[in-house]
Amino acid sequence: MSSRDRLPIDAEPDLRLHPDGPEAPLQALLAARPLASLPMPFLGAVTGVFAGFDELDGSPLVTSPHHAEPVAARSVVELLPAQAGQPVVLMFDGGDPRRPLVMGIVQAPRPGAEGVVPAEALAARPRTLVLEAQDDIVLRNRHAKIRLTADGDIEITGSSFTARTQRLLRLLSPLIKLN
């Protein structure tokens, strides 16, 4: 396009001058690339299936309501070969269904995830649990620690310490220091 063919920003083209009428340029553009070849943008998430990895380039393969056969995708999460066959959440880059993007693996519900242990599982536990080590044993979580040392010391560290008993609480020691 030469500078002579450019229109000023505020000027509107006079389409009446086109020999085939004002719709001719638009019709020519549509004929060159019919709308049927453009995918409809899809802006939501869908559930698909992780089918494995492409043998040539290693990209993840997925199926979805838009793809009956596995197609190459990109992923924002790490996918492992053992996860093949698992449902995945898919979105489409730019809303284009030809460009799937794996957002994550759909997690199966886990019974007892809130810490409720079924009675059968509780009954199957051993009556006594023995932890043995040559040196120290340390149980630790975010703010608390219990340490059993090889020389017999027991160290309990935490933001607070509560001892509850229904009977007598005995502290046997030649010396007890409080605070």
C-alpha atoms as a PDB file:
ATOM      1  CA  MET A   1       0.000   0.000   0.000  1.00  0.00           C
ATOM      2  CA  SER A   2       1.499   3.326  -0.997  1.00  0.00           C
ATOM      3  CA  SER A   3       1.130   6.543   0.958  1.00  0.00           C
ATOM      4  CA  ARG A   4      -1.238   7.728  -1.799  1.00  0.00           C
ATOM      5  CA  ASP A   5      -3.637   4.847  -0.960  1.00  0.00           C
ATOM      6  CA  ARG A   6      -3.728   5.573   2.765  1.00  0.00           C
ATOM      7  CA  LEU A   7      -6.684   7.443   4.228  1.00  0.00           C
ATOM      8  CA  PRO A   8      -6.416  10.066   6.942  1.00  0.00           C
ATOM      9  CA  ILE A   9      -7.579   8.779  10.320  1.00  0.00           C
ATOM     10  CA  ASP A  10     -10.702  10.935  10.369  1.00  0.00           C
ATOM     11  CA  ALA A  11     -11.642  10.177   6.747  1.00  0.00           C
ATOM     12  CA  GLU A  12     -14.135   7.459   5.913  1.00  0.00           C
ATOM     13  CA  PRO A  13     -13.779   5.486   2.685  1.00  0.00           C
ATOM     14  CA  ASP A  14     -16.418   6.144   0.061  1.00  0.00           C
ATOM     15  CA  LEU A  15     -17.564   2.604  -0.710  1.00  0.00           C
ATOM     16  CA  ARG A  16     -20.113   3.898  -3.225  1.00  0.00           C
ATOM     17  CA  LEU A  17     -17.264   4.319  -5.671  1.00  0.00           C
ATOM     18  CA  HIS A  18     -16.609   0.556  -5.811  1.00  0.00           C
ATOM     19  CA  PRO A  19     -17.931  -0.767  -9.131  1.00  0.00           C
ATOM     20  CA  ASP A  20     -19.747  -3.722  -7.502  1.00  0.00           C
ATOM     21  CA  GLY A  21     -21.385  -1.737  -4.702  1.00  0.00           C
ATOM     22  CA  PRO A  22     -20.513  -0.976  -1.076  1.00  0.00           C
ATOM     23  CA  GLU A  23     -20.637  -4.642   0.096  1.00  0.00           C
ATOM     24  CA  ALA A  24     -18.169  -5.926  -2.525  1.00  0.00           C
ATOM     25  CA  PRO A  25     -14.947  -5.486  -0.431  1.00  0.00           C
ATOM     26  CA  LEU A  26     -16.527  -7.290   2.524  1.00  0.00           C
ATOM     27  CA  GLN A  27     -17.845 -10.080   0.277  1.00  0.00           C
ATOM     28  CA  ALA A  28     -14.385 -10.517  -1.259  1.00  0.00           C
ATOM     29  CA  LEU A  29     -12.835 -10.755   2.219  1.00  0.00           C
ATOM     30  CA  LEU A  30     -15.409 -13.325   3.357  1.00  0.00           C
ATOM     31  CA  ALA A  31     -14.949 -15.370   0.195  1.00  0.00           C
ATOM     32  CA  ALA A  32     -11.206 -15.492   0.788  1.00  0.00           C
ATOM     33  CA  ARG A  33     -11.674 -16.893   4.341  1.00  0.00           C
ATOM     34  CA  PRO A  34     -15.137 -18.253   5.022  1.00  0.00           C
ATOM     35  CA  LEU A  35     -16.403 -17.965   8.588  1.00  0.00           C
ATOM     36  CA  ALA A  36     -16.942 -21.723   8.783  1.00  0.00           C
ATOM     37  CA  SER A  37     -13.158 -22.250   8.871  1.00  0.00           C
ATOM     38  CA  LEU A  38     -12.788 -20.121  12.017  1.00  0.00           C
ATOM     39  CA  PRO A  39     -13.511 -21.941  15.287  1.00  0.00           C
ATOM     40  CA  MET A  40     -16.078 -20.399  17.573  1.00  0.00           C
ATOM     41  CA  PRO A  41     -14.262 -18.972  20.600  1.00  0.00           C
ATOM     42  CA  PHE A  42     -14.765 -21.025  23.742  1.00  0.00           C
ATOM     43  CA  LEU A  43     -14.111 -19.061  26.913  1.00  0.00           C
ATOM     44  CA  GLY A  44     -15.007 -21.597  29.612  1.00  0.00           C
ATOM     45  CA  ALA A  45     -13.392 -24.665  31.107  1.00  0.00           C
ATOM     46  CA  VAL A  46     -14.218 -28.218  30.034  1.00  0.00           C
ATOM     47  CA  THR A  47     -13.331 -31.634  31.371  1.00  0.00           C
ATOM     48  CA  GLY A  48     -11.217 -33.796  29.114  1.00  0.00           C
ATOM     49  CA  VAL A  49      -8.990 -36.839  29.496  1.00  0.00           C
ATOM     50  CA  PHE A  50      -5.191 -36.900  29.605  1.00  0.00           C
ATOM     51  CA  ALA A  51      -4.267 -39.532  27.004  1.00  0.00           C
ATOM     52  CA  GLY A  52      -0.492 -39.636  27.485  1.00  0.00           C
ATOM     53  CA  PHE A  53       2.423 -37.981  25.681  1.00  0.00           C
ATOM     54  CA  ASP A  54       3.259 -37.513  22.007  1.00  0.00           C
ATOM     55  CA  GLU A  55       6.130 -39.832  21.082  1.00  0.00           C
ATOM     56  CA  LEU A  56       7.775 -37.258  18.796  1.00  0.00           C
ATOM     57  CA  ASP A  57       7.854 -34.048  20.819  1.00  0.00           C
ATOM     58  CA  GLY A  58       6.689 -35.164  24.289  1.00  0.00           C
ATOM     59  CA  SER A  59       3.713 -32.799  24.408  1.00  0.00           C
ATOM     60  CA  PRO A  60       0.680 -33.932  26.415  1.00  0.00           C
ATOM     61  CA  LEU A  61      -2.204 -35.437  24.455  1.00  0.00           C
ATOM     62  CA  VAL A  62      -5.818 -34.814  25.494  1.00  0.00           C
ATOM     63  CA  THR A  63      -9.329 -35.611  24.376  1.00  0.00           C
ATOM     64  CA  SER A  64     -12.290 -33.350  25.095  1.00  0.00           C
ATOM     65  CA  PRO A  65     -15.818 -32.602  23.881  1.00  0.00           C
ATOM     66  CA  HIS A  66     -14.081 -30.660  21.071  1.00  0.00           C
ATOM     67  CA  HIS A  67     -11.635 -33.471  20.215  1.00  0.00           C
ATOM     68  CA  ALA A  68     -12.702 -37.101  19.891  1.00  0.00           C
ATOM     69  CA  GLU A  69      -9.139 -38.118  18.988  1.00  0.00           C
ATOM     70  CA  PRO A  70      -6.157 -37.119  21.162  1.00  0.00           C
ATOM     71  CA  VAL A  71      -4.632 -33.749  20.244  1.00  0.00           C
ATOM     72  CA  ALA A  72      -1.448 -32.037  21.425  1.00  0.00           C
ATOM     73  CA  ALA A  73      -1.879 -29.615  24.305  1.00  0.00           C
ATOM     74  CA  ARG A  74       0.177 -27.452  26.616  1.00  0.00           C
ATOM     75  CA  SER A  75       0.024 -27.744  30.392  1.00  0.00           C
ATOM     76  CA  VAL A  76       0.414 -25.418  33.363  1.00  0.00           C
ATOM     77  CA  VAL A  77       0.891 -28.375  35.731  1.00  0.00           C
ATOM     78  CA  GLU A  78       3.325 -31.267  35.718  1.00  0.00           C
ATOM     79  CA  LEU A  79       1.825 -34.365  34.137  1.00  0.00           C
ATOM     80  CA  LEU A  80       3.186 -37.849  34.699  1.00  0.00           C
ATOM     81  CA  PRO A  81       2.827 -40.909  32.456  1.00  0.00           C
ATOM     82  CA  ALA A  82       1.049 -42.724  35.311  1.00  0.00           C
ATOM     83  CA  GLN A  83      -1.731 -40.105  35.144  1.00  0.00           C
ATOM     84  CA  ALA A  84      -2.775 -41.141  31.614  1.00  0.00           C
ATOM     85  CA  GLY A  85      -6.497 -41.819  31.524  1.00  0.00           C
ATOM     86  CA  GLN A  86      -7.247 -39.344  34.326  1.00  0.00           C
ATOM     87  CA  PRO A  87      -9.743 -36.505  33.813  1.00  0.00           C
ATOM     88  CA  VAL A  88      -8.228 -33.042  33.338  1.00  0.00           C
ATOM     89  CA  VAL A  89      -9.569 -29.498  33.373  1.00  0.00           C
ATOM     90  CA  LEU A  90      -8.995 -27.819  30.007  1.00  0.00           C
ATOM     91  CA  MET A  91      -9.192 -24.239  28.858  1.00  0.00           C
ATOM     92  CA  PHE A  92      -8.389 -22.980  25.386  1.00  0.00           C
ATOM     93  CA  ASP A  93      -5.676 -20.421  24.650  1.00  0.00           C
ATOM     94  CA  GLY A  94      -7.366 -17.323  23.259  1.00  0.00           C
ATOM     95  CA  GLY A  95     -10.679 -19.200  23.299  1.00  0.00           C
ATOM     96  CA  ASP A  96      -9.439 -21.296  20.348  1.00  0.00           C
ATOM     97  CA  PRO A  97     -10.515 -24.960  20.771  1.00  0.00           C
ATOM     98  CA  ARG A  98      -7.575 -25.966  18.555  1.00  0.00           C
ATOM     99  CA  ARG A  99      -5.184 -24.836  21.339  1.00  0.00           C
ATOM    100  CA  PRO A 100      -6.037 -26.788  24.532  1.00  0.00           C
ATOM    101  CA  LEU A 101      -4.315 -25.913  27.776  1.00  0.00           C
ATOM    102  CA  VAL A 102      -4.317 -28.396  30.704  1.00  0.00           C
ATOM    103  CA  MET A 103      -5.094 -26.497  33.907  1.00  0.00           C
ATOM    104  CA  GLY A 104      -4.918 -29.485  36.264  1.00  0.00           C
ATOM    105  CA  ILE A 105      -5.839 -33.067  37.076  1.00  0.00           C
ATOM    106  CA  VAL A 106      -9.344 -33.570  38.470  1.00  0.00           C
ATOM    107  CA  GLN A 107      -8.914 -35.004  41.964  1.00  0.00           C
ATOM    108  CA  ALA A 108     -11.095 -37.914  43.041  1.00  0.00           C
ATOM    109  CA  PRO A 109     -12.944 -37.485  46.322  1.00  0.00           C
ATOM    110  CA  ARG A 110     -11.104 -39.019  49.275  1.00  0.00           C
ATOM    111  CA  PRO A 111     -13.335 -40.457  51.958  1.00  0.00           C
ATOM    112  CA  GLY A 112     -12.176 -39.436  55.401  1.00  0.00           C
ATOM    113  CA  ALA A 113     -10.116 -36.518  54.087  1.00  0.00           C
ATOM    114  CA  GLU A 114     -11.268 -34.395  57.046  1.00  0.00           C
ATOM    115  CA  GLY A 115      -9.534 -36.742  59.468  1.00  0.00           C
ATOM    116  CA  VAL A 116     -12.508 -38.983  60.214  1.00  0.00           C
ATOM    117  CA  VAL A 117     -11.198 -42.533  60.278  1.00  0.00           C
ATOM    118  CA  PRO A 118     -13.684 -45.320  59.598  1.00  0.00           C
ATOM    119  CA  ALA A 119     -14.009 -47.835  62.459  1.00  0.00           C
ATOM    120  CA  GLU A 120     -12.732 -50.679  60.241  1.00  0.00           C
ATOM    121  CA  ALA A 121      -9.505 -48.810  59.548  1.00  0.00           C
ATOM    122  CA  LEU A 122      -9.046 -48.014  63.225  1.00  0.00           C
ATOM    123  CA  ALA A 123      -9.547 -51.659  64.210  1.00  0.00           C
ATOM    124  CA  ALA A 124      -6.926 -52.744  61.659  1.00  0.00           C
ATOM    125  CA  ARG A 125      -4.198 -50.625  63.306  1.00  0.00           C
ATOM    126  CA  PRO A 126      -1.631 -52.331  65.534  1.00  0.00           C
ATOM    127  CA  ARG A 127      -2.110 -52.060  69.304  1.00  0.00           C
ATOM    128  CA  THR A 128       1.485 -50.954  69.842  1.00  0.00           C
ATOM    129  CA  LEU A 129       3.687 -48.889  67.557  1.00  0.00           C
ATOM    130  CA  VAL A 130       7.404 -49.046  68.213  1.00  0.00           C
ATOM    131  CA  LEU A 131       9.820 -46.501  66.732  1.00  0.00           C
ATOM    132  CA  GLU A 132      13.453 -47.335  67.201  1.00  0.00           C
ATOM    133  CA  ALA A 133      16.556 -45.417  66.294  1.00  0.00           C
ATOM    134  CA  GLN A 134      20.248 -45.555  67.184  1.00  0.00           C
ATOM    135  CA  ASP A 135      20.294 -41.880  68.099  1.00  0.00           C
ATOM    136  CA  ASP A 136      17.432 -39.380  68.334  1.00  0.00           C
ATOM    137  CA  ILE A 137      13.770 -39.632  67.334  1.00  0.00           C
ATOM    138  CA  VAL A 138      12.130 -36.337  66.397  1.00  0.00           C
ATOM    139  CA  LEU A 139       8.435 -35.748  65.711  1.00  0.00           C
ATOM    140  CA  ARG A 140       7.934 -32.314  64.220  1.00  0.00           C
ATOM    141  CA  ASN A 141       5.218 -30.294  62.568  1.00  0.00           C
ATOM    142  CA  ARG A 142       4.830 -26.607  61.898  1.00  0.00           C
ATOM    143  CA  HIS A 143       5.019 -25.200  65.442  1.00  0.00           C
ATOM    144  CA  ALA A 144       5.729 -28.147  67.725  1.00  0.00           C
ATOM    145  CA  LYS A 145       8.459 -30.723  68.265  1.00  0.00           C
ATOM    146  CA  ILE A 146       9.001 -33.763  70.461  1.00  0.00           C
ATOM    147  CA  ARG A 147      12.570 -35.029  70.642  1.00  0.00           C
ATOM    148  CA  LEU A 148      13.689 -38.253  72.294  1.00  0.00           C
ATOM    149  CA  THR A 149      17.461 -38.285  72.638  1.00  0.00           C
ATOM    150  CA  ALA A 150      19.744 -41.299  72.845  1.00  0.00           C
ATOM    151  CA  ASP A 151      20.839 -40.340  76.383  1.00  0.00           C
ATOM    152  CA  GLY A 152      17.227 -40.431  77.666  1.00  0.00           C
ATOM    153  CA  ASP A 153      16.246 -36.749  77.551  1.00  0.00           C
ATOM    154  CA  ILE A 154      12.789 -35.818  76.300  1.00  0.00           C
ATOM    155  CA  GLU A 155      12.346 -32.336  74.889  1.00  0.00           C
ATOM    156  CA  ILE A 156       8.880 -30.971  74.108  1.00  0.00           C
ATOM    157  CA  THR A 157       8.808 -27.637  72.303  1.00  0.00           C
ATOM    158  CA  GLY A 158       5.711 -25.723  71.242  1.00  0.00           C
ATOM    159  CA  SER A 159       3.723 -22.557  71.636  1.00  0.00           C
ATOM    160  CA  SER A 160       1.874 -24.087  74.623  1.00  0.00           C
ATOM    161  CA  PHE A 161       1.822 -27.357  76.526  1.00  0.00           C
ATOM    162  CA  THR A 162      -1.283 -28.983  77.967  1.00  0.00           C
ATOM    163  CA  ALA A 163      -1.381 -32.133  80.074  1.00  0.00           C
ATOM    164  CA  ARG A 164      -4.831 -33.626  80.603  1.00  0.00           C
ATOM    165  CA  THR A 165      -5.445 -36.565  82.846  1.00  0.00           C
ATOM    166  CA  GLN A 166      -8.404 -38.136  84.612  1.00  0.00           C
ATOM    167  CA  ARG A 167      -6.211 -39.306  87.437  1.00  0.00           C
ATOM    168  CA  LEU A 168      -3.048 -38.136  89.160  1.00  0.00           C
ATOM    169  CA  LEU A 169      -0.339 -36.401  87.121  1.00  0.00           C
ATOM    170  CA  ARG A 170       3.022 -37.260  88.657  1.00  0.00           C
ATOM    171  CA  LEU A 171       6.215 -35.377  88.009  1.00  0.00           C
ATOM    172  CA  LEU A 172       9.069 -37.420  89.435  1.00  0.00           C
ATOM    173  CA  SER A 173      12.333 -35.580  89.454  1.00  0.00           C
ATOM    174  CA  PRO A 174      14.873 -34.461  92.015  1.00  0.00           C
ATOM    175  CA  LEU A 175      14.448 -30.935  90.657  1.00  0.00           C
ATOM    176  CA  ILE A 176      11.431 -29.243  89.024  1.00  0.00           C
ATOM    177  CA  LYS A 177      11.906 -25.736  87.640  1.00  0.00           C
ATOM    178  CA  LEU A 178       8.829 -23.769  86.607  1.00  0.00           C
ATOM    179  CA  ASN A 179       9.563 -20.683  84.533  1.00  0.00           C
END
